[in-house]
Every structure is written in C-alpha cells, then in structure tokens.
Amino acid sequence: MNTSVPGFAGFFGTSAAAPDAAAVAALMLQANPALTTSQVTASLETSAISLGEEPQTVQGAGLIQADRAVALAEQATMPPGGFPYTDLVTGTSGTATGDPYTGPVAGLTQQYIWASPDGVALSATVGNVFLHGGSGDDALAVSSGSNVLDGGGGSNFLTGATGADGGSDTFFVDGPGFIDNRGGGTTWSTVVNFHHGDAVTVFGFQDGISTRPWSALDGAAGYQGATIHSELGGAGAGVSDSITFAGVSLADAQAKFTTSTGTVGGSSYLQITYTG
C-alpha cells in the first residue's frame, strides 16, 4: 500500500492486506447477508486481478477489487438448505429441501413447515431459517445463524444455536386457541441454548389477564431449568402454556430476562428476551 502523503511510509504484507480484505467482506455481507463463508472467500478470490509475474506467495489471489466482489455478492444465491426429519409416529426419515422464506422476519432465507399431525424431529443444515412444527410433540433444532423456531401445539423441544457466530434465535410458543396452534390444549416447550440476544414470544398472552409465575426447577430430566407456567385465560383458568429454559437458574432468569407485551396482527403476546 503506497502513499504520497508526507510522513507516511509504504505499508505492506498481511498487516495491510487483512484489514482491506475484512472491509470488503463486510461490504459484501451488507449487500447480501445470506452469504456463506465459502461464498465470501470464493467471490474475493474470483474478483481479484493478477499482479503479473509476482509469485503466489507474494500476491495470493491477486489485487482485491471491492466493486467486483460486491457485485458478485449481490448476484450470489443461498445454496439449497437441507432439513433432515424423522416422523416420530411412522419412523419415516428423509431430508426436505424447504422453500424460500417470504415472511416478515428480516434476515431469514429459507423455511420448512411440517404439515403432518404426527410428531417430528426436524433440524436445519443451514442457518437463518424458519422451522415450524405441527400439532404433535416436536423436536426442532438449528445450529448456526439467526433463526425462528415455532413448535406449534403439543410438547415441544426447541434447540437453538449456541450464538458462537453472533446469531440469535427467536422461539414462538403458541397458546391454545391461537391460529397457529393446530393441536390446542396445553403447550409445554423446553428451550435449549437460550443465550444473550435470544427471545421467546408467547402468542395468546393477555397483559393484565394472563399469569406468568416462575418455578425454580421444572421440565424433563436432564433439561430442567427455570420454568414459567402461564394461565393465559387468567388466574384460576388452568395452566395452558409452560416454558422451561433448560440449564437456566431461577436467579439468572429473574436477573437477566426482560419481558414486554404487545399486539401484532390482532394477536396479543408476551416477549421474554435474554438481555443480561
């Protein structure tokens, strides 16, 4: 990196190349947030221009071209996502391709919605997806990116990503009578890997009517934690929504979780966010 500004010497080597490459990668991800790591790398290398006879040990892939790299990023498409599943009633297994996500949540790229009333074990091989279970007892799992997991009705086991890549997940819990709760009855969800930035949205919660008392330790063996047993219809109506935050103590839940209520599309909700 040469400069004619007085008082500054030439700057070269990986110390100069690394921040330039990182800056262009950031521009690429701004243009197309769905890019994978391999797509970023390939676009940077493909768009670079050769420095002639300089050995590869000196020039690497060549001279970086920010405009060309960003243009390639804008044209790139996400590879087809894989959604491995097992029908817990019939034992049938397979991998679905899913569909492009067209809903209102920003950043999601693909989705898979389980249409059968059978319980399902469903996961995603890519990040930034929307997973929707059915009316049975479901186990949904993601492992990267930022995602939305909607268990539907029944007792659901919802495993989010760890957040190691900076992603955060949203878990939808549908109260009995809510439009997406096809099973009705009582919904009990266990949320795993709930970490800073994650949120649980309980649809059907009515501010000033529904209750949300905490239990210090509840849930399935091996996945117990602080649990909310909510009477969505009000005190005395009976528990209709339970949510266990696996591995989270009651002290941490009360100190690090924040709650808010609201209405969207005519449906009331409670949102629990890990902010601590």
C-alpha atoms as a PDB file:
ATOM      1  CA  MET A   1       0.000   0.000   0.000  1.00  0.00           C
ATOM      2  CA  ASN A   2       1.783   3.114  -1.261  1.00  0.00           C
ATOM      3  CA  THR A   3       1.012   6.724  -0.381  1.00  0.00           C
ATOM      4  CA  SER A   4       2.290  10.148  -1.401  1.00  0.00           C
ATOM      5  CA  VAL A   5       1.231  11.734   1.875  1.00  0.00           C
ATOM      6  CA  PRO A   6       4.345  13.167   3.573  1.00  0.00           C
ATOM      7  CA  GLY A   7       5.415  11.458   6.747  1.00  0.00           C
ATOM      8  CA  PHE A   8       3.907   8.058   5.917  1.00  0.00           C
ATOM      9  CA  ALA A   9       5.938   5.125   4.674  1.00  0.00           C
ATOM     10  CA  GLY A  10       4.713   2.310   2.478  1.00  0.00           C
ATOM     11  CA  PHE A  11       2.593  -0.302   4.272  1.00  0.00           C
ATOM     12  CA  PHE A  12       2.631  -3.871   3.027  1.00  0.00           C
ATOM     13  CA  GLY A  13       2.274  -7.522   3.946  1.00  0.00           C
ATOM     14  CA  THR A  14      -0.559  -9.342   5.667  1.00  0.00           C
ATOM     15  CA  SER A  15      -0.883  -6.481   8.146  1.00  0.00           C
ATOM     16  CA  ALA A  16      -2.067  -4.313   5.258  1.00  0.00           C
ATOM     17  CA  ALA A  17      -3.972  -6.981   3.319  1.00  0.00           C
ATOM     18  CA  ALA A  18      -6.034  -8.382   6.205  1.00  0.00           C
ATOM     19  CA  PRO A  19      -7.952  -5.181   7.123  1.00  0.00           C
ATOM     20  CA  ASP A  20      -8.587  -4.439   3.441  1.00  0.00           C
ATOM     21  CA  ALA A  21      -9.979  -7.925   2.837  1.00  0.00           C
ATOM     22  CA  ALA A  22     -12.076  -7.768   6.016  1.00  0.00           C
ATOM     23  CA  ALA A  23     -13.526  -4.407   4.992  1.00  0.00           C
ATOM     24  CA  VAL A  24     -14.526  -5.694   1.557  1.00  0.00           C
ATOM     25  CA  ALA A  25     -16.026  -8.824   3.130  1.00  0.00           C
ATOM     26  CA  ALA A  26     -18.124  -6.552   5.364  1.00  0.00           C
ATOM     27  CA  LEU A  27     -19.374  -4.675   2.306  1.00  0.00           C
ATOM     28  CA  MET A  28     -20.264  -7.982   0.659  1.00  0.00           C
ATOM     29  CA  LEU A  29     -22.249  -9.139   3.675  1.00  0.00           C
ATOM     30  CA  GLN A  30     -24.003  -5.794   3.829  1.00  0.00           C
ATOM     31  CA  ALA A  31     -25.050  -6.311   0.203  1.00  0.00           C
ATOM     32  CA  ASN A  32     -26.080  -9.929   0.786  1.00  0.00           C
ATOM     33  CA  PRO A  33     -26.355 -11.003   4.462  1.00  0.00           C
ATOM     34  CA  ALA A  34     -27.151 -14.587   3.417  1.00  0.00           C
ATOM     35  CA  LEU A  35     -23.651 -15.256   2.059  1.00  0.00           C
ATOM     36  CA  THR A  36     -21.807 -18.235   3.459  1.00  0.00           C
ATOM     37  CA  THR A  37     -18.136 -18.098   4.460  1.00  0.00           C
ATOM     38  CA  SER A  38     -17.138 -20.122   1.401  1.00  0.00           C
ATOM     39  CA  GLN A  39     -19.113 -17.776  -0.877  1.00  0.00           C
ATOM     40  CA  VAL A  40     -17.339 -14.727   0.560  1.00  0.00           C
ATOM     41  CA  THR A  41     -13.950 -16.364   0.060  1.00  0.00           C
ATOM     42  CA  ALA A  42     -14.732 -17.503  -3.478  1.00  0.00           C
ATOM     43  CA  SER A  43     -16.033 -14.095  -4.527  1.00  0.00           C
ATOM     44  CA  LEU A  44     -12.989 -12.289  -3.122  1.00  0.00           C
ATOM     45  CA  GLU A  45     -10.631 -14.622  -4.981  1.00  0.00           C
ATOM     46  CA  THR A  46     -12.604 -14.672  -8.235  1.00  0.00           C
ATOM     47  CA  SER A  47     -12.887 -10.890  -8.439  1.00  0.00           C
ATOM     48  CA  ALA A  48      -9.213 -10.175  -7.695  1.00  0.00           C
ATOM     49  CA  ILE A  49      -6.850  -9.279 -10.573  1.00  0.00           C
ATOM     50  CA  SER A  50      -3.435 -10.785 -11.092  1.00  0.00           C
ATOM     51  CA  LEU A  51      -0.276  -8.853 -10.250  1.00  0.00           C
ATOM     52  CA  GLY A  52       1.508 -10.361 -13.209  1.00  0.00           C
ATOM     53  CA  GLU A  53       4.660 -12.312 -12.574  1.00  0.00           C
ATOM     54  CA  GLU A  54       4.634 -11.866  -8.822  1.00  0.00           C
ATOM     55  CA  PRO A  55       4.761 -15.316  -7.174  1.00  0.00           C
ATOM     56  CA  GLN A  56       1.603 -16.542  -5.473  1.00  0.00           C
ATOM     57  CA  THR A  57       3.383 -16.438  -2.129  1.00  0.00           C
ATOM     58  CA  VAL A  58       3.563 -12.659  -2.604  1.00  0.00           C
ATOM     59  CA  GLN A  59       0.275 -11.772  -4.286  1.00  0.00           C
ATOM     60  CA  GLY A  60      -2.036 -14.541  -3.066  1.00  0.00           C
ATOM     61  CA  ALA A  61      -5.189 -14.453  -5.197  1.00  0.00           C
ATOM     62  CA  GLY A  62      -4.206 -11.051  -6.593  1.00  0.00           C
ATOM     63  CA  LEU A  63      -5.183  -7.434  -6.073  1.00  0.00           C
ATOM     64  CA  ILE A  64      -8.547  -7.156  -4.329  1.00  0.00           C
ATOM     65  CA  GLN A  65     -11.343  -5.432  -6.284  1.00  0.00           C
ATOM     66  CA  ALA A  66     -14.039  -4.201  -3.934  1.00  0.00           C
ATOM     67  CA  ASP A  67     -16.575  -3.206  -6.583  1.00  0.00           C
ATOM     68  CA  ARG A  68     -16.348  -6.529  -8.403  1.00  0.00           C
ATOM     69  CA  ALA A  69     -16.513  -8.526  -5.165  1.00  0.00           C
ATOM     70  CA  VAL A  70     -19.633  -6.684  -4.003  1.00  0.00           C
ATOM     71  CA  ALA A  71     -21.255  -7.182  -7.415  1.00  0.00           C
ATOM     72  CA  LEU A  72     -20.649 -10.937  -7.158  1.00  0.00           C
ATOM     73  CA  ALA A  73     -22.090 -10.918  -3.645  1.00  0.00           C
ATOM     74  CA  GLU A  74     -25.273  -9.258  -4.860  1.00  0.00           C
ATOM     75  CA  GLN A  75     -25.689 -11.951  -7.527  1.00  0.00           C
ATOM     76  CA  ALA A  76     -25.000 -14.907  -5.227  1.00  0.00           C
ATOM     77  CA  THR A  77     -27.821 -17.136  -4.052  1.00  0.00           C
ATOM     78  CA  MET A  78     -28.018 -19.306  -0.977  1.00  0.00           C
ATOM     79  CA  PRO A  79     -27.299 -22.998  -1.521  1.00  0.00           C
ATOM     80  CA  PRO A  80     -30.391 -25.163  -1.086  1.00  0.00           C
ATOM     81  CA  GLY A  81     -30.981 -25.828   2.575  1.00  0.00           C
ATOM     82  CA  GLY A  82     -31.357 -29.295   3.951  1.00  0.00           C
ATOM     83  CA  PHE A  83     -33.952 -30.121   6.603  1.00  0.00           C
ATOM     84  CA  PRO A  84     -33.450 -33.657   7.949  1.00  0.00           C
ATOM     85  CA  TYR A  85     -36.597 -35.021   9.565  1.00  0.00           C
ATOM     86  CA  THR A  86     -37.961 -38.115  11.243  1.00  0.00           C
ATOM     87  CA  ASP A  87     -41.678 -38.728  11.594  1.00  0.00           C
ATOM     88  CA  LEU A  88     -41.953 -39.866  15.211  1.00  0.00           C
ATOM     89  CA  VAL A  89     -45.129 -41.857  14.530  1.00  0.00           C
ATOM     90  CA  THR A  90     -44.238 -43.761  11.347  1.00  0.00           C
ATOM     91  CA  GLY A  91     -40.447 -43.697  11.769  1.00  0.00           C
ATOM     92  CA  THR A  92     -40.051 -42.365   8.230  1.00  0.00           C
ATOM     93  CA  SER A  93     -36.904 -40.275   7.741  1.00  0.00           C
ATOM     94  CA  GLY A  94     -35.668 -38.061   4.956  1.00  0.00           C
ATOM     95  CA  THR A  95     -34.253 -34.663   4.065  1.00  0.00           C
ATOM     96  CA  ALA A  96     -36.541 -31.934   2.757  1.00  0.00           C
ATOM     97  CA  THR A  97     -35.265 -29.039   0.654  1.00  0.00           C
ATOM     98  CA  GLY A  98     -37.585 -26.429   2.146  1.00  0.00           C
ATOM     99  CA  ASP A  99     -38.745 -23.217   0.483  1.00  0.00           C
ATOM    100  CA  PRO A 100     -37.530 -19.623   0.212  1.00  0.00           C
ATOM    101  CA  TYR A 101     -38.665 -17.613   3.223  1.00  0.00           C
ATOM    102  CA  THR A 102     -41.164 -14.880   2.357  1.00  0.00           C
ATOM    103  CA  GLY A 103     -42.374 -13.881   5.815  1.00  0.00           C
ATOM    104  CA  PRO A 104     -41.906 -10.663   7.782  1.00  0.00           C
ATOM    105  CA  VAL A 105     -38.792 -11.564   9.817  1.00  0.00           C
ATOM    106  CA  ALA A 106     -35.693  -9.851   8.414  1.00  0.00           C
ATOM    107  CA  GLY A 107     -32.612 -11.955   7.685  1.00  0.00           C
ATOM    108  CA  LEU A 108     -34.305 -15.338   7.224  1.00  0.00           C
ATOM    109  CA  THR A 109     -33.645 -17.031   3.896  1.00  0.00           C
ATOM    110  CA  GLN A 110     -35.366 -20.440   3.949  1.00  0.00           C
ATOM    111  CA  GLN A 111     -38.182 -22.218   5.716  1.00  0.00           C
ATOM    112  CA  TYR A 112     -39.671 -25.634   6.322  1.00  0.00           C
ATOM    113  CA  ILE A 113     -43.166 -26.163   7.709  1.00  0.00           C
ATOM    114  CA  TRP A 114     -44.176 -29.622   8.925  1.00  0.00           C
ATOM    115  CA  ALA A 115     -47.708 -30.244   7.679  1.00  0.00           C
ATOM    116  CA  SER A 116     -48.437 -33.633   9.271  1.00  0.00           C
ATOM    117  CA  PRO A 117     -50.208 -34.017  12.641  1.00  0.00           C
ATOM    118  CA  ASP A 118     -47.514 -36.576  13.556  1.00  0.00           C
ATOM    119  CA  GLY A 119     -44.746 -35.533  15.886  1.00  0.00           C
ATOM    120  CA  VAL A 120     -41.455 -34.750  14.148  1.00  0.00           C
ATOM    121  CA  ALA A 121     -37.749 -34.429  14.877  1.00  0.00           C
ATOM    122  CA  LEU A 122     -36.683 -31.671  12.481  1.00  0.00           C
ATOM    123  CA  SER A 123     -33.392 -29.834  12.054  1.00  0.00           C
ATOM    124  CA  ALA A 124     -31.660 -27.483   9.626  1.00  0.00           C
ATOM    125  CA  THR A 125     -28.249 -27.881   7.987  1.00  0.00           C
ATOM    126  CA  VAL A 126     -28.045 -24.145   7.231  1.00  0.00           C
ATOM    127  CA  GLY A 127     -28.643 -21.066   9.335  1.00  0.00           C
ATOM    128  CA  ASN A 128     -31.104 -18.183   9.097  1.00  0.00           C
ATOM    129  CA  VAL A 129     -34.171 -20.371   8.715  1.00  0.00           C
ATOM    130  CA  PHE A 130     -37.773 -20.612   9.889  1.00  0.00           C
ATOM    131  CA  LEU A 131     -38.761 -24.014  11.284  1.00  0.00           C
ATOM    132  CA  HIS A 132     -42.404 -24.754  12.087  1.00  0.00           C
ATOM    133  CA  GLY A 133     -43.563 -27.927  13.794  1.00  0.00           C
ATOM    134  CA  GLY A 134     -47.060 -29.345  13.708  1.00  0.00           C
ATOM    135  CA  SER A 135     -49.706 -30.239  16.261  1.00  0.00           C
ATOM    136  CA  GLY A 136     -47.786 -33.231  17.625  1.00  0.00           C
ATOM    137  CA  ASP A 137     -44.892 -33.400  20.074  1.00  0.00           C
ATOM    138  CA  ASP A 138     -41.980 -31.989  18.119  1.00  0.00           C
ATOM    139  CA  ALA A 139     -38.217 -31.568  18.456  1.00  0.00           C
ATOM    140  CA  LEU A 140     -36.828 -28.700  16.375  1.00  0.00           C
ATOM    141  CA  ALA A 141     -33.125 -27.839  16.197  1.00  0.00           C
ATOM    142  CA  VAL A 142     -30.848 -25.324  14.491  1.00  0.00           C
ATOM    143  CA  SER A 143     -27.078 -24.981  14.769  1.00  0.00           C
ATOM    144  CA  SER A 144     -25.988 -21.682  13.209  1.00  0.00           C
ATOM    145  CA  GLY A 145     -27.087 -18.181  12.269  1.00  0.00           C
ATOM    146  CA  SER A 146     -30.217 -16.417  13.480  1.00  0.00           C
ATOM    147  CA  ASN A 147     -33.430 -18.415  13.281  1.00  0.00           C
ATOM    148  CA  VAL A 148     -37.079 -18.676  14.240  1.00  0.00           C
ATOM    149  CA  LEU A 149     -38.344 -21.935  15.754  1.00  0.00           C
ATOM    150  CA  ASP A 150     -42.118 -22.352  16.063  1.00  0.00           C
ATOM    151  CA  GLY A 151     -43.154 -25.547  17.802  1.00  0.00           C
ATOM    152  CA  GLY A 152     -46.883 -25.274  17.162  1.00  0.00           C
ATOM    153  CA  GLY A 153     -49.076 -27.268  19.548  1.00  0.00           C
ATOM    154  CA  GLY A 154     -48.099 -30.119  21.850  1.00  0.00           C
ATOM    155  CA  SER A 155     -44.996 -30.518  23.983  1.00  0.00           C
ATOM    156  CA  ASN A 156     -42.053 -29.169  22.040  1.00  0.00           C
ATOM    157  CA  PHE A 157     -38.290 -29.402  22.442  1.00  0.00           C
ATOM    158  CA  LEU A 158     -36.697 -26.361  20.808  1.00  0.00           C
ATOM    159  CA  THR A 159     -32.908 -26.282  20.479  1.00  0.00           C
ATOM    160  CA  GLY A 160     -31.387 -23.035  19.310  1.00  0.00           C
ATOM    161  CA  ALA A 161     -27.880 -22.351  18.057  1.00  0.00           C
ATOM    162  CA  THR A 162     -25.160 -21.517  20.575  1.00  0.00           C
ATOM    163  CA  GLY A 163     -24.640 -17.973  19.302  1.00  0.00           C
ATOM    164  CA  ALA A 164     -20.927 -18.592  18.736  1.00  0.00           C
ATOM    165  CA  ASP A 165     -21.251 -16.985  15.286  1.00  0.00           C
ATOM    166  CA  GLY A 166     -23.059 -13.939  16.681  1.00  0.00           C
ATOM    167  CA  GLY A 167     -26.520 -15.206  15.795  1.00  0.00           C
ATOM    168  CA  SER A 168     -29.610 -15.139  17.965  1.00  0.00           C
ATOM    169  CA  ASP A 169     -32.810 -17.134  17.843  1.00  0.00           C
ATOM    170  CA  THR A 170     -36.487 -16.435  18.405  1.00  0.00           C
ATOM    171  CA  PHE A 171     -38.775 -19.154  19.736  1.00  0.00           C
ATOM    172  CA  PHE A 172     -42.519 -18.897  19.061  1.00  0.00           C
ATOM    173  CA  VAL A 173     -44.841 -20.512  21.578  1.00  0.00           C
ATOM    174  CA  ASP A 174     -48.490 -20.595  20.529  1.00  0.00           C
ATOM    175  CA  GLY A 175     -51.111 -20.553  23.279  1.00  0.00           C
ATOM    176  CA  PRO A 176     -54.260 -22.695  22.956  1.00  0.00           C
ATOM    177  CA  GLY A 177     -56.716 -21.090  20.582  1.00  0.00           C
ATOM    178  CA  PHE A 178     -54.032 -19.150  18.729  1.00  0.00           C
ATOM    179  CA  ILE A 179     -54.336 -19.547  14.973  1.00  0.00           C
ATOM    180  CA  ASP A 180     -51.084 -21.495  14.530  1.00  0.00           C
ATOM    181  CA  ASN A 181     -51.709 -23.851  17.435  1.00  0.00           C
ATOM    182  CA  ARG A 182     -53.327 -26.601  15.455  1.00  0.00           C
ATOM    183  CA  GLY A 183     -53.302 -29.036  18.344  1.00  0.00           C
ATOM    184  CA  GLY A 184     -54.985 -26.894  21.009  1.00  0.00           C
ATOM    185  CA  GLY A 185     -54.753 -27.973  24.646  1.00  0.00           C
ATOM    186  CA  THR A 186     -51.678 -27.239  26.714  1.00  0.00           C
ATOM    187  CA  THR A 187     -48.374 -26.197  25.172  1.00  0.00           C
ATOM    188  CA  TRP A 188     -45.168 -27.085  27.037  1.00  0.00           C
ATOM    189  CA  SER A 189     -41.940 -26.003  25.398  1.00  0.00           C
ATOM    190  CA  THR A 190     -38.387 -26.692  26.507  1.00  0.00           C
ATOM    191  CA  VAL A 191     -35.915 -24.149  25.151  1.00  0.00           C
ATOM    192  CA  VAL A 192     -32.266 -25.217  24.914  1.00  0.00           C
ATOM    193  CA  ASN A 193     -29.226 -22.945  24.377  1.00  0.00           C
ATOM    194  CA  PHE A 194     -31.159 -19.829  25.363  1.00  0.00           C
ATOM    195  CA  HIS A 195     -28.494 -17.129  25.442  1.00  0.00           C
ATOM    196  CA  HIS A 196     -27.949 -13.374  25.260  1.00  0.00           C
ATOM    197  CA  GLY A 197     -29.986 -11.883  22.407  1.00  0.00           C
ATOM    198  CA  ASP A 198     -32.455 -14.770  22.177  1.00  0.00           C
ATOM    199  CA  ALA A 199     -36.181 -14.230  22.696  1.00  0.00           C
ATOM    200  CA  VAL A 200     -39.303 -16.278  23.346  1.00  0.00           C
ATOM    201  CA  THR A 201     -42.621 -14.928  22.075  1.00  0.00           C
ATOM    202  CA  VAL A 202     -45.758 -16.341  23.698  1.00  0.00           C
ATOM    203  CA  PHE A 203     -48.761 -15.692  21.480  1.00  0.00           C
ATOM    204  CA  GLY A 204     -52.127 -15.524  23.213  1.00  0.00           C
ATOM    205  CA  PHE A 205     -50.761 -13.863  26.361  1.00  0.00           C
ATOM    206  CA  GLN A 206     -53.055 -11.040  27.510  1.00  0.00           C
ATOM    207  CA  ASP A 207     -51.428  -8.308  29.542  1.00  0.00           C
ATOM    208  CA  GLY A 208     -53.327  -7.747  32.783  1.00  0.00           C
ATOM    209  CA  ILE A 209     -55.209 -11.040  32.464  1.00  0.00           C
ATOM    210  CA  SER A 210     -52.752 -13.873  31.849  1.00  0.00           C
ATOM    211  CA  THR A 211     -50.458 -15.025  34.649  1.00  0.00           C
ATOM    212  CA  ARG A 212     -46.772 -15.996  34.418  1.00  0.00           C
ATOM    213  CA  PRO A 213     -45.455 -17.328  37.752  1.00  0.00           C
ATOM    214  CA  TRP A 214     -41.963 -18.829  37.835  1.00  0.00           C
ATOM    215  CA  SER A 215     -40.937 -22.265  39.071  1.00  0.00           C
ATOM    216  CA  ALA A 216     -37.313 -22.696  40.124  1.00  0.00           C
ATOM    217  CA  LEU A 217     -36.703 -26.123  38.593  1.00  0.00           C
ATOM    218  CA  ASP A 218     -39.001 -27.978  36.251  1.00  0.00           C
ATOM    219  CA  GLY A 219     -39.009 -29.811  32.935  1.00  0.00           C
ATOM    220  CA  ALA A 220     -37.754 -33.092  31.508  1.00  0.00           C
ATOM    221  CA  ALA A 221     -34.906 -34.914  33.248  1.00  0.00           C
ATOM    222  CA  GLY A 222     -31.566 -33.613  32.040  1.00  0.00           C
ATOM    223  CA  TYR A 223     -33.116 -30.431  30.667  1.00  0.00           C
ATOM    224  CA  GLN A 224     -34.594 -28.828  33.741  1.00  0.00           C
ATOM    225  CA  GLY A 225     -34.443 -25.135  34.450  1.00  0.00           C
ATOM    226  CA  ALA A 226     -36.412 -22.058  35.377  1.00  0.00           C
ATOM    227  CA  THR A 227     -39.971 -22.517  34.130  1.00  0.00           C
ATOM    228  CA  ILE A 228     -42.988 -20.287  33.551  1.00  0.00           C
ATOM    229  CA  HIS A 229     -46.417 -21.890  33.995  1.00  0.00           C
ATOM    230  CA  SER A 230     -48.829 -19.405  32.454  1.00  0.00           C
ATOM    231  CA  GLU A 231     -52.606 -19.308  32.757  1.00  0.00           C
ATOM    232  CA  LEU A 232     -53.355 -17.443  29.544  1.00  0.00           C
ATOM    233  CA  GLY A 233     -57.061 -17.220  30.412  1.00  0.00           C
ATOM    234  CA  GLY A 234     -56.328 -15.622  33.782  1.00  0.00           C
ATOM    235  CA  ALA A 235     -55.861 -16.792  37.353  1.00  0.00           C
ATOM    236  CA  GLY A 236     -57.857 -19.946  38.037  1.00  0.00           C
ATOM    237  CA  ALA A 237     -58.301 -20.810  34.358  1.00  0.00           C
ATOM    238  CA  GLY A 238     -55.646 -23.517  34.496  1.00  0.00           C
ATOM    239  CA  VAL A 239     -52.126 -23.612  33.097  1.00  0.00           C
ATOM    240  CA  SER A 240     -52.161 -23.532  29.307  1.00  0.00           C
ATOM    241  CA  ASP A 241     -48.581 -22.531  28.450  1.00  0.00           C
ATOM    242  CA  SER A 242     -45.392 -23.768  30.118  1.00  0.00           C
ATOM    243  CA  ILE A 243     -41.885 -22.810  29.061  1.00  0.00           C
ATOM    244  CA  THR A 244     -38.737 -24.356  30.530  1.00  0.00           C
ATOM    245  CA  PHE A 245     -35.397 -22.637  29.947  1.00  0.00           C
ATOM    246  CA  ALA A 246     -33.051 -25.618  30.147  1.00  0.00           C
ATOM    247  CA  GLY A 247     -29.973 -25.041  32.279  1.00  0.00           C
ATOM    248  CA  VAL A 248     -31.050 -21.565  33.383  1.00  0.00           C
ATOM    249  CA  SER A 249     -31.417 -20.950  37.115  1.00  0.00           C
ATOM    250  CA  LEU A 250     -34.331 -19.009  38.523  1.00  0.00           C
ATOM    251  CA  ALA A 251     -31.915 -16.359  39.799  1.00  0.00           C
ATOM    252  CA  ASP A 252     -30.453 -15.846  36.307  1.00  0.00           C
ATOM    253  CA  ALA A 253     -33.885 -15.798  34.682  1.00  0.00           C
ATOM    254  CA  GLN A 254     -35.132 -13.119  37.038  1.00  0.00           C
ATOM    255  CA  ALA A 255     -31.936 -11.074  36.758  1.00  0.00           C
ATOM    256  CA  LYS A 256     -31.138 -11.414  33.052  1.00  0.00           C
ATOM    257  CA  PHE A 257     -34.516 -11.792  31.315  1.00  0.00           C
ATOM    258  CA  THR A 258     -36.686  -8.811  30.396  1.00  0.00           C
ATOM    259  CA  THR A 259     -40.333  -9.006  29.384  1.00  0.00           C
ATOM    260  CA  SER A 260     -42.620  -6.898  27.262  1.00  0.00           C
ATOM    261  CA  THR A 261     -46.146  -7.262  25.907  1.00  0.00           C
ATOM    262  CA  GLY A 262     -47.831  -6.086  22.767  1.00  0.00           C
ATOM    263  CA  THR A 263     -50.145  -6.884  19.903  1.00  0.00           C
ATOM    264  CA  VAL A 264     -49.364  -7.793  16.304  1.00  0.00           C
ATOM    265  CA  GLY A 265     -51.962  -8.553  13.656  1.00  0.00           C
ATOM    266  CA  GLY A 266     -54.663  -8.511  16.316  1.00  0.00           C
ATOM    267  CA  SER A 267     -52.890 -11.164  18.421  1.00  0.00           C
ATOM    268  CA  SER A 268     -51.539 -10.336  21.862  1.00  0.00           C
ATOM    269  CA  TYR A 269     -48.178 -11.657  23.013  1.00  0.00           C
ATOM    270  CA  LEU A 270     -45.579 -11.748  25.758  1.00  0.00           C
ATOM    271  CA  GLN A 271     -41.924 -11.491  24.767  1.00  0.00           C
ATOM    272  CA  ILE A 272     -39.141 -12.755  27.022  1.00  0.00           C
ATOM    273  CA  THR A 273     -35.658 -11.601  25.992  1.00  0.00           C
ATOM    274  CA  TYR A 274     -32.270 -12.612  27.377  1.00  0.00           C
ATOM    275  CA  THR A 275     -30.639  -9.212  27.879  1.00  0.00           C
ATOM    276  CA  GLY A 276     -28.328  -9.881  30.821  1.00  0.00           C
END
